[in-house]
Amino acid sequence: MNKPALWEKLKKYSVSGIIRVGCVISLFVILVILTVQGRGRWYIALALSVGLLAAFCTNFFVKKLAVKSAIYAVEYVILLVYSVFFEAGMLSTLYSLILVDFYLNNTLKSNAAFGGLSYLAYAVSITVRDFVFNPEWASVAGSLVVAINEFIIFSLVFTIANMLNAIIKKTAEAERNLAEVAAREKKLQEANEHLKEAAKLEERNRIAKQIHDTTGHSITTIIVQTEAAKLLFDTDPEGAKRKIVSANLQAVSALEELRKSVRVLSGEYVPFDLAASLEKAVNETTEGTDIAIRAKTEDIETDEDTAFFIYSSLKEGLNNGIRHGNATAFLFELKVRDGKLKFLLSDNGTGAKELKEGFGLRTMREGAEKLGGSAEFYTAEGEGMEIRITLPVKEKGGNND
C-alpha cells in the first residue's frame, strides 16, 4: 500500500482515537509482561490486568467527570494491589497511561491537578509497598531516589500528552475555521450566482426596453406613413409613393435596430452616438409624414447609459404622443443648466384627464431615478402632454461618483 492511500485511510480517524488505540496496545503489552512476571501468582496478576484494562477502556466512553474520577480511583486501587503483590518495575508507566485520555479532553490546569494526584498515588503505593509489606528492604533514601526517577516518566508522559492535546485542539479549531471559510465561500458563490442572474435579468430588461423604444417607435412611424399612403393612393399617387418609400426606409431602420440589439445581447460592444441618434429619431418621425418636430439640442458629452436613456426617452415620448395622443407637432429641447441635464418633450396631442403610466412611461421614470435623476409627466385634456427629465451630468465613459 502506498503512503498516500495509507494517509487517506488514517485521515478517517481522529488523532485522539489513534492515541487511545496506542495507549490500549501499550497497556496490554505491559500487563502481559506483568502477568508473566507474576510466576506462581500469575492468576492474581491476570485478574488485576483484566480489571485494569477493562476500567481503562470503559473510561473512553464515559463523559461525566464524577464517573471518570470513580473509574480512576478503581484503577489506582488495582495498581496499589499490583505494587503490594509484585515487584513491578513499570508501575509509573501504568499510572501515567491511565491519565492520557483525561489529558486529551481537559484543560492544562485540570490536567496538572490530576497528574499531580496520579503521581502522589504512585508515591503512596511504593511507600506502602516498601515500608509496610517489605520493611526489611525499605530505606528513605532508596524510596526518595525511586520517586524522583519515576517523576521523570510522569513528567514526560504529561508533557507529551498535553502537547498532543494542544495540537488536537488547534487542529480542531483550524478545521472549524476552514469549515466556516468553506461555508462563507459557498454563500459568496451563491450570492455571486444570484448577482449574475440579476445582471442577466437587468440586461434582458434593458434590451426589452431598447427594442420597445427604438423598434416600437419605428413601427409606429411606419404605420402612420402607410395609413397616409392609403389615403393618398387615389388622389396623389406620387405622394403615396413617397410615403411608402419612407415607410420602407423606416422598416430598414427598424431591422437595423433589431440587429443592433441582438449584437448587444450577444456581448458585442456597439458605440453609441447621441447627437446622430437624436437626429435620426427626429428625421425618421418627420420624413414622409405630416408630423413636425422643433428640436433645440446642445452638443452634450455624457456616458453611454445616460445617452441611450435620452435617446430612448425621446423615441418613447414621440411614440406615445403619436399613438395615444394623435399629436402632429412636438417641441424637443436638450440642454445643460446649473450642472443638470434638462430634457423637455411636449406635444399638441389630445392629452388626458388622468395620467396613467404604461410600460414606457414607468420604465422612463425608473430609468431616470436609476441614473440619479427624475422624470415628470404633465397632461391635461386637450392640452397635449409634456415630459420633463432632469439628470446629473456624467463624464463620458465614467460617472460622478
Foldseek 3Di string as FASTA:
>chain_A
DDDVVVVVVCVVDAPLVVVLVVLLVVLLVLLVVLLVQLVVVSVLSVVLSVLLSVLLVVLLPDDDPVVNVVSLVVNLVSLLVSLQRDVRPCSLVVLQSSCLNVLLPDDLVVLVVSLVVSLVSVLVSNCCNDCPRNVVRDDPVVSVVVSVVSVVVSVVSSVVSNVVSVVSVVVVVVVVVVVVVVVVVVVVVVVVVVVVVVVLVVLVVVLVLLLCQQLVLLVLLLVQLQVVLVVCVVPPVVLSVQSNVLSVVSVVVSVVSVVVSVCVNVPHDDDDDLVVLQVVLQCSNVGSHQAEEAEAEDDAAAEPLVSVLLSSLVSLLVSCCCPPFVFRYKYWYWDDDPQKIKTKIWTQGQWDCDDDDDPNNVVSQVSLVVQVWGWDKDTHGRRTIMIIIIHGGQHYPGGDD
